[in-house]
Amino acid sequence: MQIGEGFVTFGTRSDDQFHIIDPRSTFGIGERIVWSAFLTAPADSVDLLIRILKMDNSAIGGERLILETAVTPLVRDAQIFQNRIRPQAVLDGPGIYVVRYLLGEDVLSEGFLEVTT
């Protein structure tokens, strides 16, 4: 697990500044996941996308797209963004996932997590 600029940090709780209080990278399918993305450069949220991919050896490039969505809420020149999901509602079962924050095709923040049964 890596924390800091360019990385997405995962946990189940965060503070008022969007920092993860209990960083970890493995979660049960029934746990809520909170993450904090610390971008390599400030960006307007309207320009950013979040991509969640599942590691899959049978997919071209070894990753399968699970979700691609715009970043919300609308903010200008931010460097830290937070999000939360319930894996059973969003992800495709147990496995290893990567969360990427993109400006165009440039990766500004990336992190990996494992979801177990």
PDB file of N, CA and C in Angstrom:
ATOM      1  N   MET A   1       0.850  -1.174   0.000  1.00  0.00           N
ATOM      2  CA  MET A   1       0.000   0.000   0.000  1.00  0.00           C
ATOM      3  C   MET A   1       0.895   1.237   0.000  1.00  0.00           C
ATOM      4  N   GLN A   2       0.556   2.187  -0.874  1.00  0.00           N
ATOM      5  CA  GLN A   2       1.325   3.424  -0.941  1.00  0.00           C
ATOM      6  C   GLN A   2       0.395   4.594  -0.664  1.00  0.00           C
ATOM      7  N   ILE A   3       0.936   5.568   0.034  1.00  0.00           N
ATOM      8  CA  ILE A   3       0.149   6.735   0.439  1.00  0.00           C
ATOM      9  C   ILE A   3       0.890   7.979  -0.012  1.00  0.00           C
ATOM     10  N   GLY A   4       0.158   8.967  -0.504  1.00  0.00           N
ATOM     11  CA  GLY A   4       0.777  10.229  -0.888  1.00  0.00           C
ATOM     12  C   GLY A   4       0.419  10.619  -2.303  1.00  0.00           C
ATOM     13  N   GLU A   5       1.119  11.604  -2.813  1.00  0.00           N
ATOM     14  CA  GLU A   5       0.846  12.161  -4.129  1.00  0.00           C
ATOM     15  C   GLU A   5       0.929  11.078  -5.207  1.00  0.00           C
ATOM     16  N   GLY A   6      -0.115  11.012  -6.023  1.00  0.00           N
ATOM     17  CA  GLY A   6      -0.168  10.039  -7.103  1.00  0.00           C
ATOM     18  C   GLY A   6      -0.804   8.721  -6.723  1.00  0.00           C
ATOM     19  N   PHE A   7      -1.222   8.581  -5.453  1.00  0.00           N
ATOM     20  CA  PHE A   7      -1.776   7.308  -5.001  1.00  0.00           C
ATOM     21  C   PHE A   7      -3.197   7.454  -4.470  1.00  0.00           C
ATOM     22  N   VAL A   8      -3.975   6.396  -4.658  1.00  0.00           N
ATOM     23  CA  VAL A   8      -5.289   6.276  -4.043  1.00  0.00           C
ATOM     24  C   VAL A   8      -5.099   5.416  -2.798  1.00  0.00           C
ATOM     25  N   THR A   9      -5.533   5.931  -1.646  1.00  0.00           N
ATOM     26  CA  THR A   9      -5.417   5.225  -0.376  1.00  0.00           C
ATOM     27  C   THR A   9      -6.807   4.761   0.045  1.00  0.00           C
ATOM     28  N   PHE A  10      -6.911   3.500   0.452  1.00  0.00           N
ATOM     29  CA  PHE A  10      -8.193   2.888   0.798  1.00  0.00           C
ATOM     30  C   PHE A  10      -8.305   2.644   2.298  1.00  0.00           C
ATOM     31  N   GLY A  11      -9.532   2.631   2.783  1.00  0.00           N
ATOM     32  CA  GLY A  11      -9.828   2.325   4.174  1.00  0.00           C
ATOM     33  C   GLY A  11     -11.328   2.251   4.345  1.00  0.00           C
ATOM     34  N   THR A  12     -11.783   2.400   5.596  1.00  0.00           N
ATOM     35  CA  THR A  12     -13.227   2.419   5.848  1.00  0.00           C
ATOM     36  C   THR A  12     -13.689   3.737   6.473  1.00  0.00           C
ATOM     37  N   ARG A  13     -12.711   4.587   6.882  1.00  0.00           N
ATOM     38  CA  ARG A  13     -13.053   5.874   7.501  1.00  0.00           C
ATOM     39  C   ARG A  13     -12.059   6.943   7.058  1.00  0.00           C
ATOM     40  N   SER A  14     -12.538   8.207   7.053  1.00  0.00           N
ATOM     41  CA  SER A  14     -11.663   9.328   6.698  1.00  0.00           C
ATOM     42  C   SER A  14     -11.906  10.489   7.643  1.00  0.00           C
ATOM     43  N   ASP A  15     -10.961  11.437   7.640  1.00  0.00           N
ATOM     44  CA  ASP A  15     -11.124  12.638   8.453  1.00  0.00           C
ATOM     45  C   ASP A  15     -11.707  13.772   7.602  1.00  0.00           C
ATOM     46  N   ASP A  16     -11.821  14.959   8.181  1.00  0.00           N
ATOM     47  CA  ASP A  16     -12.424  16.101   7.497  1.00  0.00           C
ATOM     48  C   ASP A  16     -11.593  16.620   6.321  1.00  0.00           C
ATOM     49  N   GLN A  17     -10.311  16.252   6.262  1.00  0.00           N
ATOM     50  CA  GLN A  17      -9.439  16.682   5.157  1.00  0.00           C
ATOM     51  C   GLN A  17      -9.304  15.591   4.092  1.00  0.00           C
ATOM     52  N   PHE A  18     -10.175  14.586   4.124  1.00  0.00           N
ATOM     53  CA  PHE A  18     -10.218  13.488   3.154  1.00  0.00           C
ATOM     54  C   PHE A  18      -9.059  12.502   3.299  1.00  0.00           C
ATOM     55  N   HIS A  19      -8.353  12.504   4.418  1.00  0.00           N
ATOM     56  CA  HIS A  19      -7.288  11.537   4.648  1.00  0.00           C
ATOM     57  C   HIS A  19      -7.885  10.277   5.270  1.00  0.00           C
ATOM     58  N   ILE A  20      -7.417   9.126   4.828  1.00  0.00           N
ATOM     59  CA  ILE A  20      -7.908   7.852   5.337  1.00  0.00           C
ATOM     60  C   ILE A  20      -7.312   7.599   6.715  1.00  0.00           C
ATOM     61  N   ILE A  21      -8.166   7.293   7.679  1.00  0.00           N
ATOM     62  CA  ILE A  21      -7.745   7.082   9.073  1.00  0.00           C
ATOM     63  C   ILE A  21      -7.202   5.667   9.282  1.00  0.00           C
ATOM     64  N   ASP A  22      -7.762   4.703   8.578  1.00  0.00           N
ATOM     65  CA  ASP A  22      -7.397   3.288   8.768  1.00  0.00           C
ATOM     66  C   ASP A  22      -6.949   2.664   7.437  1.00  0.00           C
ATOM     67  N   PRO A  23      -5.821   3.107   6.881  1.00  0.00           N
ATOM     68  CA  PRO A  23      -5.422   2.628   5.558  1.00  0.00           C
ATOM     69  C   PRO A  23      -5.188   1.122   5.510  1.00  0.00           C
ATOM     70  N   ARG A  24      -5.700   0.524   4.453  1.00  0.00           N
ATOM     71  CA  ARG A  24      -5.479  -0.892   4.184  1.00  0.00           C
ATOM     72  C   ARG A  24      -5.861  -1.166   2.740  1.00  0.00           C
ATOM     73  N   SER A  25      -5.555  -2.366   2.265  1.00  0.00           N
ATOM     74  CA  SER A  25      -5.804  -2.668   0.860  1.00  0.00           C
ATOM     75  C   SER A  25      -6.660  -3.913   0.645  1.00  0.00           C
ATOM     76  N   THR A  26      -7.113  -4.578   1.712  1.00  0.00           N
ATOM     77  CA  THR A  26      -7.952  -5.771   1.584  1.00  0.00           C
ATOM     78  C   THR A  26      -9.269  -5.544   2.317  1.00  0.00           C
ATOM     79  N   PHE A  27     -10.369  -5.900   1.640  1.00  0.00           N
ATOM     80  CA  PHE A  27     -11.707  -5.672   2.172  1.00  0.00           C
ATOM     81  C   PHE A  27     -12.586  -6.867   1.878  1.00  0.00           C
ATOM     82  N   GLY A  28     -13.514  -7.145   2.766  1.00  0.00           N
ATOM     83  CA  GLY A  28     -14.536  -8.150   2.502  1.00  0.00           C
ATOM     84  C   GLY A  28     -15.586  -7.570   1.570  1.00  0.00           C
ATOM     85  N   ILE A  29     -16.265  -8.445   0.834  1.00  0.00           N
ATOM     86  CA  ILE A  29     -17.274  -8.005  -0.143  1.00  0.00           C
ATOM     87  C   ILE A  29     -18.393  -7.192   0.516  1.00  0.00           C
ATOM     88  N   GLY A  30     -18.649  -7.399   1.805  1.00  0.00           N
ATOM     89  CA  GLY A  30     -19.725  -6.692   2.492  1.00  0.00           C
ATOM     90  C   GLY A  30     -19.302  -5.410   3.194  1.00  0.00           C
ATOM     91  N   GLU A  31     -18.018  -5.063   3.148  1.00  0.00           N
ATOM     92  CA  GLU A  31     -17.530  -3.851   3.826  1.00  0.00           C
ATOM     93  C   GLU A  31     -17.656  -2.623   2.938  1.00  0.00           C
ATOM     94  N   ARG A  32     -17.901  -1.486   3.565  1.00  0.00           N
ATOM     95  CA  ARG A  32     -17.856  -0.220   2.832  1.00  0.00           C
ATOM     96  C   ARG A  32     -16.392   0.149   2.620  1.00  0.00           C
ATOM     97  N   ILE A  33     -16.075   0.640   1.427  1.00  0.00           N
ATOM     98  CA  ILE A  33     -14.713   1.089   1.113  1.00  0.00           C
ATOM     99  C   ILE A  33     -14.751   2.593   0.879  1.00  0.00           C
ATOM    100  N   VAL A  34     -13.867   3.294   1.578  1.00  0.00           N
ATOM    101  CA  VAL A  34     -13.683   4.736   1.383  1.00  0.00           C
ATOM    102  C   VAL A  34     -12.286   4.915   0.816  1.00  0.00           C
ATOM    103  N   TRP A  35     -12.145   5.837  -0.133  1.00  0.00           N
ATOM    104  CA  TRP A  35     -10.795   6.103  -0.613  1.00  0.00           C
ATOM    105  C   TRP A  35     -10.539   7.586  -0.764  1.00  0.00           C
ATOM    106  N   SER A  36      -9.264   7.905  -0.713  1.00  0.00           N
ATOM    107  CA  SER A  36      -8.776   9.263  -0.893  1.00  0.00           C
ATOM    108  C   SER A  36      -7.755   9.231  -2.022  1.00  0.00           C
ATOM    109  N   ALA A  37      -8.003  10.021  -3.056  1.00  0.00           N
ATOM    110  CA  ALA A  37      -7.089  10.100  -4.195  1.00  0.00           C
ATOM    111  C   ALA A  37      -6.304  11.401  -4.103  1.00  0.00           C
ATOM    112  N   PHE A  38      -4.984  11.297  -3.974  1.00  0.00           N
ATOM    113  CA  PHE A  38      -4.098  12.457  -3.909  1.00  0.00           C
ATOM    114  C   PHE A  38      -3.465  12.583  -5.297  1.00  0.00           C
ATOM    115  N   LEU A  39      -3.943  13.549  -6.075  1.00  0.00           N
ATOM    116  CA  LEU A  39      -3.495  13.718  -7.459  1.00  0.00           C
ATOM    117  C   LEU A  39      -2.069  14.254  -7.527  1.00  0.00           C
ATOM    118  N   THR A  40      -1.397  13.977  -8.637  1.00  0.00           N
ATOM    119  CA  THR A  40      -0.037  14.481  -8.844  1.00  0.00           C
ATOM    120  C   THR A  40      -0.034  15.968  -9.151  1.00  0.00           C
ATOM    121  N   ALA A  41      -1.197  16.526  -9.519  1.00  0.00           N
ATOM    122  CA  ALA A  41      -1.319  17.960  -9.803  1.00  0.00           C
ATOM    123  C   ALA A  41      -2.766  18.377  -9.555  1.00  0.00           C
ATOM    124  N   PRO A  42      -2.995  19.631  -9.147  1.00  0.00           N
ATOM    125  CA  PRO A  42      -4.369  20.097  -8.968  1.00  0.00           C
ATOM    126  C   PRO A  42      -5.153  19.998 -10.277  1.00  0.00           C
ATOM    127  N   ALA A  43      -6.438  19.716 -10.171  1.00  0.00           N
ATOM    128  CA  ALA A  43      -7.284  19.611 -11.356  1.00  0.00           C
ATOM    129  C   ALA A  43      -8.708  20.002 -11.002  1.00  0.00           C
ATOM    130  N   ASP A  44      -9.454  20.441 -12.004  1.00  0.00           N
ATOM    131  CA  ASP A  44     -10.877  20.709 -11.828  1.00  0.00           C
ATOM    132  C   ASP A  44     -11.616  19.382 -11.936  1.00  0.00           C
ATOM    133  N   SER A  45     -12.534  19.125 -11.038  1.00  0.00           N
ATOM    134  CA  SER A  45     -13.226  17.838 -11.035  1.00  0.00           C
ATOM    135  C   SER A  45     -13.997  17.594 -12.325  1.00  0.00           C
ATOM    136  N   VAL A  46     -14.461  18.661 -12.963  1.00  0.00           N
ATOM    137  CA  VAL A  46     -15.233  18.509 -14.196  1.00  0.00           C
ATOM    138  C   VAL A  46     -14.389  17.855 -15.296  1.00  0.00           C
ATOM    139  N   ASP A  47     -13.068  17.933 -15.199  1.00  0.00           N
ATOM    140  CA  ASP A  47     -12.167  17.360 -16.205  1.00  0.00           C
ATOM    141  C   ASP A  47     -11.724  15.931 -15.878  1.00  0.00           C
ATOM    142  N   LEU A  48     -12.051  15.438 -14.693  1.00  0.00           N
ATOM    143  CA  LEU A  48     -11.527  14.149 -14.222  1.00  0.00           C
ATOM    144  C   LEU A  48     -12.518  13.002 -14.387  1.00  0.00           C
ATOM    145  N   LEU A  49     -11.966  11.818 -14.627  1.00  0.00           N
ATOM    146  CA  LEU A  49     -12.735  10.581 -14.653  1.00  0.00           C
ATOM    147  C   LEU A  49     -12.162   9.622 -13.621  1.00  0.00           C
ATOM    148  N   ILE A  50     -13.029   8.792 -13.065  1.00  0.00           N
ATOM    149  CA  ILE A  50     -12.594   7.669 -12.223  1.00  0.00           C
ATOM    150  C   ILE A  50     -12.838   6.409 -13.042  1.00  0.00           C
ATOM    151  N   ARG A  51     -11.822   5.567 -13.114  1.00  0.00           N
ATOM    152  CA  ARG A  51     -11.975   4.247 -13.721  1.00  0.00           C
ATOM    153  C   ARG A  51     -11.669   3.188 -12.676  1.00  0.00           C
ATOM    154  N   ILE A  52     -12.574   2.219 -12.554  1.00  0.00           N
ATOM    155  CA  ILE A  52     -12.338   1.060 -11.713  1.00  0.00           C
ATOM    156  C   ILE A  52     -12.236  -0.142 -12.636  1.00  0.00           C
ATOM    157  N   LEU A  53     -11.105  -0.833 -12.549  1.00  0.00           N
ATOM    158  CA  LEU A  53     -10.851  -1.997 -13.394  1.00  0.00           C
ATOM    159  C   LEU A  53     -10.543  -3.203 -12.530  1.00  0.00           C
ATOM    160  N   LYS A  54     -10.929  -4.376 -13.009  1.00  0.00           N
ATOM    161  CA  LYS A  54     -10.628  -5.617 -12.303  1.00  0.00           C
ATOM    162  C   LYS A  54      -9.491  -6.308 -13.043  1.00  0.00           C
ATOM    163  N   MET A  55      -8.503  -6.749 -12.291  1.00  0.00           N
ATOM    164  CA  MET A  55      -7.401  -7.484 -12.894  1.00  0.00           C
ATOM    165  C   MET A  55      -7.962  -8.797 -13.434  1.00  0.00           C
ATOM    166  N   ASP A  56      -7.703  -9.073 -14.733  1.00  0.00           N
ATOM    167  CA  ASP A  56      -8.284 -10.235 -15.399  1.00  0.00           C
ATOM    168  C   ASP A  56      -7.332 -10.684 -16.489  1.00  0.00           C
ATOM    169  N   ASN A  57      -6.660 -11.814 -16.270  1.00  0.00           N
ATOM    170  CA  ASN A  57      -5.673 -12.314 -17.241  1.00  0.00           C
ATOM    171  C   ASN A  57      -6.276 -12.624 -18.598  1.00  0.00           C
ATOM    172  N   SER A  58      -7.578 -12.875 -18.673  1.00  0.00           N
ATOM    173  CA  SER A  58      -8.205 -13.192 -19.955  1.00  0.00           C
ATOM    174  C   SER A  58      -8.577 -11.940 -20.749  1.00  0.00           C
ATOM    175  N   ALA A  59      -8.488 -10.766 -20.142  1.00  0.00           N
ATOM    176  CA  ALA A  59      -8.830  -9.513 -20.818  1.00  0.00           C
ATOM    177  C   ALA A  59      -7.603  -8.942 -21.525  1.00  0.00           C
ATOM    178  N   ILE A  60      -7.834  -8.226 -22.604  1.00  0.00           N
ATOM    179  CA  ILE A  60      -6.745  -7.545 -23.305  1.00  0.00           C
ATOM    180  C   ILE A  60      -6.127  -6.538 -22.349  1.00  0.00           C
ATOM    181  N   GLY A  61      -4.805  -6.593 -22.188  1.00  0.00           N
ATOM    182  CA  GLY A  61      -4.112  -5.700 -21.265  1.00  0.00           C
ATOM    183  C   GLY A  61      -4.169  -6.148 -19.816  1.00  0.00           C
ATOM    184  N   GLY A  62      -4.886  -7.257 -19.536  1.00  0.00           N
ATOM    185  CA  GLY A  62      -4.938  -7.804 -18.187  1.00  0.00           C
ATOM    186  C   GLY A  62      -5.883  -7.091 -17.238  1.00  0.00           C
ATOM    187  N   GLU A  63      -6.673  -6.146 -17.745  1.00  0.00           N
ATOM    188  CA  GLU A  63      -7.630  -5.405 -16.915  1.00  0.00           C
ATOM    189  C   GLU A  63      -8.974  -5.334 -17.630  1.00  0.00           C
ATOM    190  N   ARG A  64     -10.051  -5.450 -16.853  1.00  0.00           N
ATOM    191  CA  ARG A  64     -11.404  -5.361 -17.399  1.00  0.00           C
ATOM    192  C   ARG A  64     -12.119  -4.179 -16.747  1.00  0.00           C
ATOM    193  N   LEU A  65     -12.667  -3.290 -17.565  1.00  0.00           N
ATOM    194  CA  LEU A  65     -13.355  -2.102 -17.059  1.00  0.00           C
ATOM    195  C   LEU A  65     -14.633  -2.499 -16.332  1.00  0.00           C
ATOM    196  N   ILE A  66     -14.765  -2.017 -15.094  1.00  0.00           N
ATOM    197  CA  ILE A  66     -15.961  -2.258 -14.282  1.00  0.00           C
ATOM    198  C   ILE A  66     -16.828  -1.003 -14.237  1.00  0.00           C
ATOM    199  N   LEU A  67     -16.195   0.154 -14.087  1.00  0.00           N
ATOM    200  CA  LEU A  67     -16.937   1.409 -13.953  1.00  0.00           C
ATOM    201  C   LEU A  67     -16.075   2.568 -14.432  1.00  0.00           C
ATOM    202  N   GLU A  68     -16.705   3.480 -15.162  1.00  0.00           N
ATOM    203  CA  GLU A  68     -16.056   4.739 -15.520  1.00  0.00           C
ATOM    204  C   GLU A  68     -17.071   5.842 -15.273  1.00  0.00           C
ATOM    205  N   THR A  69     -16.693   6.809 -14.463  1.00  0.00           N
ATOM    206  CA  THR A  69     -17.633   7.857 -14.084  1.00  0.00           C
ATOM    207  C   THR A  69     -16.895   9.177 -13.878  1.00  0.00           C
ATOM    208  N   ALA A  70     -17.630  10.267 -14.015  1.00  0.00           N
ATOM    209  CA  ALA A  70     -17.061  11.587 -13.750  1.00  0.00           C
ATOM    210  C   ALA A  70     -16.882  11.777 -12.251  1.00  0.00           C
ATOM    211  N   VAL A  71     -15.925  12.608 -11.888  1.00  0.00           N
ATOM    212  CA  VAL A  71     -15.677  12.923 -10.487  1.00  0.00           C
ATOM    213  C   VAL A  71     -16.711  13.948 -10.018  1.00  0.00           C
ATOM    214  N   THR A  72     -17.265  13.732  -8.826  1.00  0.00           N
ATOM    215  CA  THR A  72     -18.178  14.698  -8.219  1.00  0.00           C
ATOM    216  C   THR A  72     -17.742  14.888  -6.773  1.00  0.00           C
ATOM    217  N   PRO A  73     -18.016  15.928  -6.103  1.00  0.00           N
ATOM    218  CA  PRO A  73     -18.740  17.122  -6.516  1.00  0.00           C
ATOM    219  C   PRO A  73     -17.845  18.046  -7.340  1.00  0.00           C
ATOM    220  N   LEU A  74     -18.451  19.083  -7.874  1.00  0.00           N
ATOM    221  CA  LEU A  74     -17.707  20.028  -8.700  1.00  0.00           C
ATOM    222  C   LEU A  74     -16.815  20.906  -7.832  1.00  0.00           C
ATOM    223  N   VAL A  75     -15.521  20.833  -8.073  1.00  0.00           N
ATOM    224  CA  VAL A  75     -14.551  21.682  -7.376  1.00  0.00           C
ATOM    225  C   VAL A  75     -13.483  22.124  -8.368  1.00  0.00           C
ATOM    226  N   ARG A  76     -12.816  23.232  -8.047  1.00  0.00           N
ATOM    227  CA  ARG A  76     -11.765  23.768  -8.917  1.00  0.00           C
ATOM    228  C   ARG A  76     -10.407  23.611  -8.246  1.00  0.00           C
ATOM    229  N   ASP A  77      -9.425  23.241  -9.053  1.00  0.00           N
ATOM    230  CA  ASP A  77      -8.022  23.156  -8.622  1.00  0.00           C
ATOM    231  C   ASP A  77      -7.829  22.372  -7.329  1.00  0.00           C
ATOM    232  N   ALA A  78      -8.498  21.256  -7.200  1.00  0.00           N
ATOM    233  CA  ALA A  78      -8.335  20.399  -6.017  1.00  0.00           C
ATOM    234  C   ALA A  78      -7.246  19.366  -6.288  1.00  0.00           C
ATOM    235  N   GLN A  79      -6.648  18.868  -5.223  1.00  0.00           N
ATOM    236  CA  GLN A  79      -5.620  17.845  -5.369  1.00  0.00           C
ATOM    237  C   GLN A  79      -5.992  16.554  -4.625  1.00  0.00           C
ATOM    238  N   ILE A  80      -6.974  16.636  -3.724  1.00  0.00           N
ATOM    239  CA  ILE A  80      -7.421  15.445  -2.993  1.00  0.00           C
ATOM    240  C   ILE A  80      -8.923  15.271  -3.200  1.00  0.00           C
ATOM    241  N   PHE A  81      -9.306  14.059  -3.613  1.00  0.00           N
ATOM    242  CA  PHE A  81     -10.705  13.719  -3.823  1.00  0.00           C
ATOM    243  C   PHE A  81     -11.028  12.471  -3.020  1.00  0.00           C
ATOM    244  N   GLN A  82     -12.279  12.375  -2.609  1.00  0.00           N
ATOM    245  CA  GLN A  82     -12.705  11.228  -1.812  1.00  0.00           C
ATOM    246  C   GLN A  82     -13.919  10.583  -2.458  1.00  0.00           C
ATOM    247  N   ASN A  83     -14.039   9.271  -2.271  1.00  0.00           N
ATOM    248  CA  ASN A  83     -15.209   8.550  -2.754  1.00  0.00           C
ATOM    249  C   ASN A  83     -15.451   7.369  -1.833  1.00  0.00           C
ATOM    250  N   ARG A  84     -16.625   6.770  -1.925  1.00  0.00           N
ATOM    251  CA  ARG A  84     -16.935   5.577  -1.137  1.00  0.00           C
ATOM    252  C   ARG A  84     -17.860   4.691  -1.955  1.00  0.00           C
ATOM    253  N   ILE A  85     -17.696   3.387  -1.774  1.00  0.00           N
ATOM    254  CA  ILE A  85     -18.537   2.427  -2.472  1.00  0.00           C
ATOM    255  C   ILE A  85     -18.859   1.253  -1.558  1.00  0.00           C
ATOM    256  N   ARG A  86     -19.859   0.520  -1.927  1.00  0.00           N
ATOM    257  CA  ARG A  86     -20.164  -0.781  -1.335  1.00  0.00           C
ATOM    258  C   ARG A  86     -19.814  -1.799  -2.419  1.00  0.00           C
ATOM    259  N   PRO A  87     -18.781  -2.616  -2.195  1.00  0.00           N
ATOM    260  CA  PRO A  87     -18.290  -3.518  -3.240  1.00  0.00           C
ATOM    261  C   PRO A  87     -19.363  -4.409  -3.870  1.00  0.00           C
ATOM    262  N   GLN A  88     -20.282  -4.942  -3.047  1.00  0.00           N
ATOM    263  CA  GLN A  88     -21.289  -5.843  -3.594  1.00  0.00           C
ATOM    264  C   GLN A  88     -22.226  -5.134  -4.566  1.00  0.00           C
ATOM    265  N   ALA A  89     -22.345  -3.800  -4.481  1.00  0.00           N
ATOM    266  CA  ALA A  89     -23.231  -3.041  -5.360  1.00  0.00           C
ATOM    267  C   ALA A  89     -22.513  -2.536  -6.619  1.00  0.00           C
ATOM    268  N   VAL A  90     -21.194  -2.380  -6.562  1.00  0.00           N
ATOM    269  CA  VAL A  90     -20.461  -1.732  -7.658  1.00  0.00           C
ATOM    270  C   VAL A  90     -19.486  -2.674  -8.357  1.00  0.00           C
ATOM    271  N   LEU A  91     -18.796  -3.511  -7.606  1.00  0.00           N
ATOM    272  CA  LEU A  91     -17.722  -4.324  -8.162  1.00  0.00           C
ATOM    273  C   LEU A  91     -18.226  -5.683  -8.645  1.00  0.00           C
ATOM    274  N   ASP A  92     -17.345  -6.433  -9.284  1.00  0.00           N
ATOM    275  CA  ASP A  92     -17.686  -7.718  -9.871  1.00  0.00           C
ATOM    276  C   ASP A  92     -17.110  -8.857  -9.035  1.00  0.00           C
ATOM    277  N   GLY A  93     -17.529  -8.938  -7.771  1.00  0.00           N
ATOM    278  CA  GLY A  93     -17.122 -10.027  -6.894  1.00  0.00           C
ATOM    279  C   GLY A  93     -15.697  -9.917  -6.394  1.00  0.00           C
ATOM    280  N   PRO A  94     -15.212 -10.965  -5.729  1.00  0.00           N
ATOM    281  CA  PRO A  94     -13.856 -10.965  -5.198  1.00  0.00           C
ATOM    282  C   PRO A  94     -12.820 -10.831  -6.317  1.00  0.00           C
ATOM    283  N   GLY A  95     -11.685 -10.226  -5.965  1.00  0.00           N
ATOM    284  CA  GLY A  95     -10.607 -10.060  -6.930  1.00  0.00           C
ATOM    285  C   GLY A  95      -9.753  -8.862  -6.591  1.00  0.00           C
ATOM    286  N   ILE A  96      -8.826  -8.549  -7.483  1.00  0.00           N
ATOM    287  CA  ILE A  96      -7.956  -7.389  -7.324  1.00  0.00           C
ATOM    288  C   ILE A  96      -8.421  -6.324  -8.305  1.00  0.00           C
ATOM    289  N   TYR A  97      -8.567  -5.109  -7.780  1.00  0.00           N
ATOM    290  CA  TYR A  97      -9.074  -3.981  -8.552  1.00  0.00           C
ATOM    291  C   TYR A  97      -8.064  -2.837  -8.529  1.00  0.00           C
ATOM    292  N   VAL A  98      -8.121  -2.007  -9.566  1.00  0.00           N
ATOM    293  CA  VAL A  98      -7.329  -0.791  -9.613  1.00  0.00           C
ATOM    294  C   VAL A  98      -8.303   0.376  -9.792  1.00  0.00           C
ATOM    295  N   VAL A  99      -8.071   1.448  -9.026  1.00  0.00           N
ATOM    296  CA  VAL A  99      -8.846   2.677  -9.140  1.00  0.00           C
ATOM    297  C   VAL A  99      -7.906   3.738  -9.687  1.00  0.00           C
ATOM    298  N   ARG A 100      -8.317   4.377 -10.795  1.00  0.00           N
ATOM    299  CA  ARG A 100      -7.484   5.406 -11.430  1.00  0.00           C
ATOM    300  C   ARG A 100      -8.276   6.696 -11.599  1.00  0.00           C
ATOM    301  N   TYR A 101      -7.611   7.806 -11.308  1.00  0.00           N
ATOM    302  CA  TYR A 101      -8.142   9.133 -11.601  1.00  0.00           C
ATOM    303  C   TYR A 101      -7.404   9.626 -12.829  1.00  0.00           C
ATOM    304  N   LEU A 102      -8.176   9.975 -13.859  1.00  0.00           N
ATOM    305  CA  LEU A 102      -7.593  10.331 -15.147  1.00  0.00           C
ATOM    306  C   LEU A 102      -7.976  11.739 -15.584  1.00  0.00           C
ATOM    307  N   LEU A 103      -7.014  12.419 -16.184  1.00  0.00           N
ATOM    308  CA  LEU A 103      -7.233  13.689 -16.873  1.00  0.00           C
ATOM    309  C   LEU A 103      -6.910  13.381 -18.323  1.00  0.00           C
ATOM    310  N   GLY A 104      -7.951  13.214 -19.147  1.00  0.00           N
ATOM    311  CA  GLY A 104      -7.745  12.656 -20.482  1.00  0.00           C
ATOM    312  C   GLY A 104      -7.313  11.210 -20.297  1.00  0.00           C
ATOM    313  N   GLU A 105      -6.144  10.862 -20.832  1.00  0.00           N
ATOM    314  CA  GLU A 105      -5.603   9.513 -20.608  1.00  0.00           C
ATOM    315  C   GLU A 105      -4.422   9.539 -19.633  1.00  0.00           C
ATOM    316  N   ASP A 106      -4.141  10.704 -19.036  1.00  0.00           N
ATOM    317  CA  ASP A 106      -3.052  10.822 -18.065  1.00  0.00           C
ATOM    318  C   ASP A 106      -3.537  10.393 -16.681  1.00  0.00           C
ATOM    319  N   VAL A 107      -2.820   9.450 -16.072  1.00  0.00           N
ATOM    320  CA  VAL A 107      -3.158   8.970 -14.727  1.00  0.00           C
ATOM    321  C   VAL A 107      -2.600   9.955 -13.699  1.00  0.00           C
ATOM    322  N   LEU A 108      -3.501  10.559 -12.892  1.00  0.00           N
ATOM    323  CA  LEU A 108      -3.084  11.492 -11.847  1.00  0.00           C
ATOM    324  C   LEU A 108      -3.034  10.843 -10.472  1.00  0.00           C
ATOM    325  N   SER A 109      -3.699   9.699 -10.329  1.00  0.00           N
ATOM    326  CA  SER A 109      -3.683   8.970  -9.065  1.00  0.00           C
ATOM    327  C   SER A 109      -4.133   7.542  -9.342  1.00  0.00           C
ATOM    328  N   GLU A 110      -3.514   6.572  -8.623  1.00  0.00           N
ATOM    329  CA  GLU A 110      -3.823   5.171  -8.858  1.00  0.00           C
ATOM    330  C   GLU A 110      -3.610   4.374  -7.581  1.00  0.00           C
ATOM    331  N   GLY A 111      -4.459   3.387  -7.357  1.00  0.00           N
ATOM    332  CA  GLY A 111      -4.300   2.508  -6.209  1.00  0.00           C
ATOM    333  C   GLY A 111      -4.944   1.162  -6.462  1.00  0.00           C
ATOM    334  N   PHE A 112      -4.432   0.133  -5.782  1.00  0.00           N
ATOM    335  CA  PHE A 112      -4.916  -1.233  -5.935  1.00  0.00           C
ATOM    336  C   PHE A 112      -5.526  -1.720  -4.626  1.00  0.00           C
ATOM    337  N   LEU A 113      -6.584  -2.507  -4.739  1.00  0.00           N
ATOM    338  CA  LEU A 113      -7.191  -3.102  -3.557  1.00  0.00           C
ATOM    339  C   LEU A 113      -7.660  -4.515  -3.893  1.00  0.00           C
ATOM    340  N   GLU A 114      -7.793  -5.324  -2.846  1.00  0.00           N
ATOM    341  CA  GLU A 114      -8.301  -6.675  -3.011  1.00  0.00           C
ATOM    342  C   GLU A 114      -9.620  -6.811  -2.277  1.00  0.00           C
ATOM    343  N   VAL A 115     -10.586  -7.424  -2.953  1.00  0.00           N
ATOM    344  CA  VAL A 115     -11.872  -7.707  -2.331  1.00  0.00           C
ATOM    345  C   VAL A 115     -11.978  -9.226  -2.169  1.00  0.00           C
ATOM    346  N   THR A 116     -12.285  -9.643  -0.937  1.00  0.00           N
ATOM    347  CA  THR A 116     -12.406 -11.069  -0.629  1.00  0.00           C
ATOM    348  C   THR A 116     -13.851 -11.409  -0.321  1.00  0.00           C
ATOM    349  N   THR A 117     -14.130 -12.701  -0.186  1.00  0.00           N
ATOM    350  CA  THR A 117     -15.512 -13.131   0.105  1.00  0.00           C
ATOM    351  C   THR A 117     -15.882 -12.852   1.540  1.00  0.00           C
TER     352      THR A 117
END
